[in-house]
Amino acid sequence: MKSKGKRYDALLKNFELNKEYSYQEAVGIVKKNAKAKFDESFEVAIRLGVDPRKADQLVRGTVALPHGTGKTVRVLVFCKEPKDKEALDAGADYAGLDEYVEKVQGGWTDVDVVIATPDVMGHVGKLGRILGPRGLMPNPKSGTVTFDVAQAVNEVKAGKIEFRVDKTGNVHAAVGKCSFTEDALIENVRIFFNSIIKAKPISAKGKYVKNIGFSSTMGPGVAVNQQSFAIMKEL
């Protein structure tokens, strides 16, 4: 197996790659391994026992992280007047309709979250080929299609994230920064994990959560043991 570099190999000496740790231990290991020159994100990956090819086994939802993500979220709101002012007053970075529809059609997607009011979805729907592949398409299920743009913007800015199982059955999310305290990260992980549990499809059979791993943006993954899943679910 080809080495990923001296720095990466050095990080592997801080824990046993094939060992499963409690979620508390894993958080500490990831924080210790976060030695990049920037504040790395703390990432969670969960492998689920679902078949994403079946519509009734899709796992998708949103969750408000109590300690936020530590990331500055750029928000675009598609809306008409006077909702644009309401959105901007709530903290949106961009708000409007025709100007931003034109910009997106030209290839501009320099935002993290897109919100839209229901009355402009006819215009926004035409941007699906651009916004969809980037995970930016507004969706009522995620709370990003709403007339209450102020609340939607406030929630996103405060740490609300969206999750969705990918085609391989994994759910992945950044739930904070490695500079967060261990307690803050553990709380964010717990809330995120419990949201995944609540999103279990009725049609899913067998073992729902197969494994979970924590990592930093540039660091190796740390496996978390099954007992921790049960403890985390009960908290």
Protein backbone atom coordinates (compact mmCIF):
# COMPACT_ATOMS: atom_id res chain seq x y z
CA MET A 1 0.00 0.00 0.00
CA LYS A 2 1.40 3.36 -1.05
CA SER A 3 2.21 5.76 1.79
CA LYS A 4 0.18 8.98 1.95
CA GLY A 5 3.18 10.96 3.20
CA LYS A 6 5.38 11.32 6.27
CA ARG A 7 2.94 13.63 8.05
CA TYR A 8 0.03 11.21 7.58
CA ASP A 9 2.15 8.23 8.65
CA ALA A 10 3.22 10.12 11.78
CA LEU A 11 -0.42 10.69 12.73
CA LEU A 12 -1.10 6.96 12.52
CA LYS A 13 1.33 6.44 15.40
CA ASN A 14 -1.09 8.22 17.75
CA PHE A 15 -3.64 5.39 17.65
CA GLU A 16 -4.26 1.87 16.36
CA LEU A 17 -5.77 2.02 12.89
CA ASN A 18 -7.70 -1.26 13.21
CA LYS A 19 -8.98 -0.64 16.74
CA GLU A 20 -12.42 0.72 17.60
CA TYR A 21 -12.49 3.45 20.25
CA SER A 22 -15.23 4.93 22.40
CA TYR A 23 -16.61 8.12 20.88
CA GLN A 24 -15.01 10.15 23.69
CA GLU A 25 -11.58 8.64 22.98
CA ALA A 26 -12.04 9.07 19.23
CA VAL A 27 -12.83 12.77 19.61
CA GLY A 28 -9.62 13.26 21.59
CA ILE A 29 -7.54 11.38 19.02
CA VAL A 30 -8.93 13.40 16.11
CA LYS A 31 -8.28 16.68 17.93
CA LYS A 32 -4.72 15.58 18.70
CA ASN A 33 -4.15 14.66 15.05
CA ALA A 34 -5.47 17.97 13.69
CA LYS A 35 -2.10 19.58 13.04
CA ALA A 36 -2.70 21.33 9.73
CA LYS A 37 -1.95 25.03 9.40
CA PHE A 38 -5.68 25.80 9.38
CA ASP A 39 -8.55 24.95 11.70
CA GLU A 40 -9.62 21.57 10.36
CA SER A 41 -13.24 20.49 10.30
CA PHE A 42 -14.31 17.62 12.55
CA GLU A 43 -16.01 15.11 10.27
CA VAL A 44 -18.33 12.19 10.96
CA ALA A 45 -18.96 9.34 8.53
CA ILE A 46 -21.66 6.75 9.22
CA ARG A 47 -22.22 3.64 7.12
CA LEU A 48 -25.86 2.60 7.11
CA GLY A 49 -27.57 -0.68 6.32
CA VAL A 50 -29.91 0.79 3.72
CA ASP A 51 -30.24 0.50 -0.03
CA PRO A 52 -30.10 4.08 -1.37
CA ARG A 53 -31.30 2.83 -4.77
CA LYS A 54 -34.74 2.34 -3.23
CA ALA A 55 -36.75 5.52 -2.74
CA ASP A 56 -38.25 4.26 0.52
CA GLN A 57 -34.80 3.76 2.04
CA LEU A 58 -33.36 7.21 1.49
CA VAL A 59 -32.04 8.78 4.67
CA ARG A 60 -32.27 12.55 4.57
CA GLY A 61 -32.92 15.37 6.98
CA THR A 62 -31.63 18.44 8.76
CA VAL A 63 -30.25 19.01 12.23
CA ALA A 64 -29.38 22.11 14.23
CA LEU A 65 -26.01 21.61 15.91
CA PRO A 66 -26.03 23.18 19.40
CA HIS A 67 -22.50 24.53 19.02
CA GLY A 68 -22.72 25.38 15.34
CA THR A 69 -20.28 24.25 12.66
CA GLY A 70 -17.60 26.88 13.21
CA LYS A 71 -17.91 27.70 9.54
CA THR A 72 -18.97 30.99 7.98
CA VAL A 73 -21.96 29.99 5.86
CA ARG A 74 -22.68 32.02 2.74
CA VAL A 75 -26.42 32.16 2.08
CA LEU A 76 -28.28 33.09 -1.10
CA VAL A 77 -32.04 33.68 -0.93
CA PHE A 78 -34.13 33.68 -4.10
CA CYS A 79 -37.14 35.90 -3.43
CA LYS A 80 -39.09 38.95 -4.53
CA GLU A 81 -39.43 42.28 -2.75
CA PRO A 82 -39.88 42.90 0.16
CA LYS A 83 -38.62 39.44 1.20
CA ASP A 84 -35.14 40.32 -0.06
CA LYS A 85 -34.78 43.00 2.61
CA GLU A 86 -36.11 40.59 5.25
CA ALA A 87 -33.51 38.03 4.22
CA LEU A 88 -30.64 40.52 4.21
CA ASP A 89 -31.65 41.89 7.60
CA ALA A 90 -31.55 38.32 8.95
CA GLY A 91 -27.98 37.88 7.75
CA ALA A 92 -28.27 36.49 4.22
CA ASP A 93 -25.26 37.31 2.06
CA TYR A 94 -27.28 37.67 -1.14
CA ALA A 95 -31.01 38.08 -1.79
CA GLY A 96 -33.08 38.80 -4.85
CA LEU A 97 -34.32 37.06 -7.96
CA ASP A 98 -33.55 38.01 -11.55
CA GLU A 99 -29.99 39.21 -10.83
CA TYR A 100 -29.04 35.98 -9.08
CA VAL A 101 -30.88 33.68 -11.47
CA GLU A 102 -28.78 35.24 -14.22
CA LYS A 103 -25.57 34.91 -12.21
CA VAL A 104 -26.18 31.22 -11.47
CA GLN A 105 -27.04 30.57 -15.12
CA GLY A 106 -23.64 32.05 -15.87
CA GLY A 107 -21.98 29.51 -13.59
CA TRP A 108 -21.78 31.42 -10.30
CA THR A 109 -22.29 29.15 -7.27
CA ASP A 110 -20.08 30.81 -4.66
CA VAL A 111 -22.47 30.06 -1.77
CA ASP A 112 -22.98 27.29 0.77
CA VAL A 113 -26.77 27.28 1.15
CA VAL A 114 -29.57 28.40 -1.17
CA ILE A 115 -33.02 29.29 0.18
CA ALA A 116 -36.07 30.20 -1.91
CA THR A 117 -39.63 31.34 -1.34
CA PRO A 118 -42.28 29.02 -2.85
CA ASP A 119 -43.52 31.67 -5.32
CA VAL A 120 -40.17 31.81 -7.17
CA MET A 121 -39.49 28.08 -7.44
CA GLY A 122 -40.60 28.21 -11.08
CA HIS A 123 -37.52 30.35 -11.76
CA VAL A 124 -35.22 28.42 -9.42
CA GLY A 125 -36.29 25.06 -10.86
CA LYS A 126 -34.63 26.02 -14.15
CA LEU A 127 -31.31 26.13 -12.29
CA GLY A 128 -31.54 22.51 -11.14
CA ARG A 129 -28.79 21.26 -13.44
CA ILE A 130 -26.38 23.74 -11.87
CA LEU A 131 -27.52 23.75 -8.24
CA GLY A 132 -28.52 20.07 -7.94
CA PRO A 133 -25.10 18.43 -8.46
CA ARG A 134 -23.61 20.85 -5.91
CA GLY A 135 -26.22 20.04 -3.27
CA LEU A 136 -27.56 23.59 -3.39
CA MET A 137 -31.08 23.06 -4.75
CA PRO A 138 -33.70 24.39 -2.29
CA ASN A 139 -36.01 21.69 -0.93
CA PRO A 140 -39.11 21.91 1.29
CA LYS A 141 -37.96 18.85 3.28
CA SER A 142 -34.78 20.62 4.33
CA GLY A 143 -36.59 23.84 5.19
CA THR A 144 -34.97 25.80 2.38
CA VAL A 145 -38.22 26.48 0.52
CA THR A 146 -40.22 28.78 2.77
CA PHE A 147 -41.78 32.22 3.03
CA ASP A 148 -40.23 32.61 6.49
CA VAL A 149 -36.84 33.50 5.04
CA ALA A 150 -35.64 35.23 8.23
CA GLN A 151 -36.04 32.07 10.30
CA ALA A 152 -34.47 29.91 7.60
CA VAL A 153 -31.44 32.20 7.35
CA ASN A 154 -31.07 32.38 11.13
CA GLU A 155 -31.16 28.59 11.45
CA VAL A 156 -28.55 28.04 8.76
CA LYS A 157 -26.26 30.72 10.15
CA ALA A 158 -26.62 29.24 13.65
CA GLY A 159 -25.46 25.77 12.61
CA LYS A 160 -28.30 23.94 10.89
CA ILE A 161 -26.94 21.37 8.44
CA GLU A 162 -28.51 18.98 5.95
CA PHE A 163 -27.54 15.33 5.65
CA ARG A 164 -28.30 12.72 3.00
CA VAL A 165 -27.17 9.16 2.43
CA ASP A 166 -25.00 8.77 -0.66
CA LYS A 167 -25.20 6.02 -3.27
CA THR A 168 -22.83 3.80 -1.27
CA GLY A 169 -24.93 3.97 1.91
CA ASN A 170 -22.78 6.49 3.77
CA VAL A 171 -23.80 9.70 5.51
CA HIS A 172 -21.02 12.23 5.92
CA ALA A 173 -21.03 15.62 7.63
CA ALA A 174 -18.72 18.20 9.17
CA VAL A 175 -20.09 18.83 12.67
CA GLY A 176 -17.67 21.41 13.99
CA LYS A 177 -14.04 22.48 14.05
CA CYS A 178 -11.17 20.68 15.72
CA SER A 179 -10.55 23.82 17.76
CA PHE A 180 -13.87 23.21 19.57
CA THR A 181 -13.66 21.76 23.05
CA GLU A 182 -14.13 18.01 23.37
CA ASP A 183 -17.42 18.56 25.18
CA ALA A 184 -18.76 20.76 22.36
CA LEU A 185 -17.75 18.25 19.70
CA ILE A 186 -19.24 15.34 21.64
CA GLU A 187 -22.54 17.22 21.98
CA ASN A 188 -22.64 18.08 18.28
CA VAL A 189 -21.83 14.47 17.35
CA ARG A 190 -24.51 13.16 19.69
CA ILE A 191 -27.21 15.42 18.24
CA PHE A 192 -26.16 14.52 14.69
CA PHE A 193 -26.09 10.79 15.44
CA ASN A 194 -29.50 10.84 17.09
CA SER A 195 -30.90 12.64 14.03
CA ILE A 196 -29.63 9.80 11.86
CA ILE A 197 -31.31 7.29 14.17
CA LYS A 198 -34.63 9.18 13.99
CA ALA A 199 -34.39 9.27 10.18
CA LYS A 200 -34.31 5.45 9.92
CA PRO A 201 -36.65 4.35 7.12
CA ILE A 202 -39.47 2.02 8.14
CA SER A 203 -38.52 -0.27 5.26
CA ALA A 204 -34.88 -0.65 6.40
CA LYS A 205 -34.22 -4.20 7.55
CA GLY A 206 -31.37 -5.68 9.56
CA LYS A 207 -28.63 -3.66 11.20
CA TYR A 208 -29.19 0.03 10.57
CA VAL A 209 -25.88 1.54 11.75
CA LYS A 210 -22.96 -0.56 10.53
CA ASN A 211 -20.03 1.59 11.55
CA ILE A 212 -19.00 5.13 12.32
CA GLY A 213 -15.75 6.99 12.02
CA PHE A 214 -14.40 10.39 13.04
CA SER A 215 -11.68 12.32 11.24
CA SER A 216 -10.31 15.79 10.68
CA THR A 217 -10.09 17.37 7.23
CA MET A 218 -6.51 16.23 6.69
CA GLY A 219 -6.26 13.38 9.20
CA PRO A 220 -6.90 9.63 9.17
CA GLY A 221 -10.22 8.16 10.23
CA VAL A 222 -10.73 6.76 13.73
CA ALA A 223 -13.24 3.93 14.13
CA VAL A 224 -15.83 4.15 16.92
CA ASN A 225 -17.12 1.01 18.61
CA GLN A 226 -20.69 -0.28 18.61
CA GLN A 227 -21.11 0.13 22.38
CA SER A 228 -20.58 3.85 21.92
CA PHE A 229 -23.43 3.91 19.41
CA ALA A 230 -25.80 2.56 22.07
CA ILE A 231 -24.54 4.93 24.75
CA MET A 232 -24.74 7.92 22.43
CA LYS A 233 -28.29 7.03 21.42
CA GLU A 234 -29.41 6.87 25.04
CA LEU A 235 -27.93 10.21 26.12
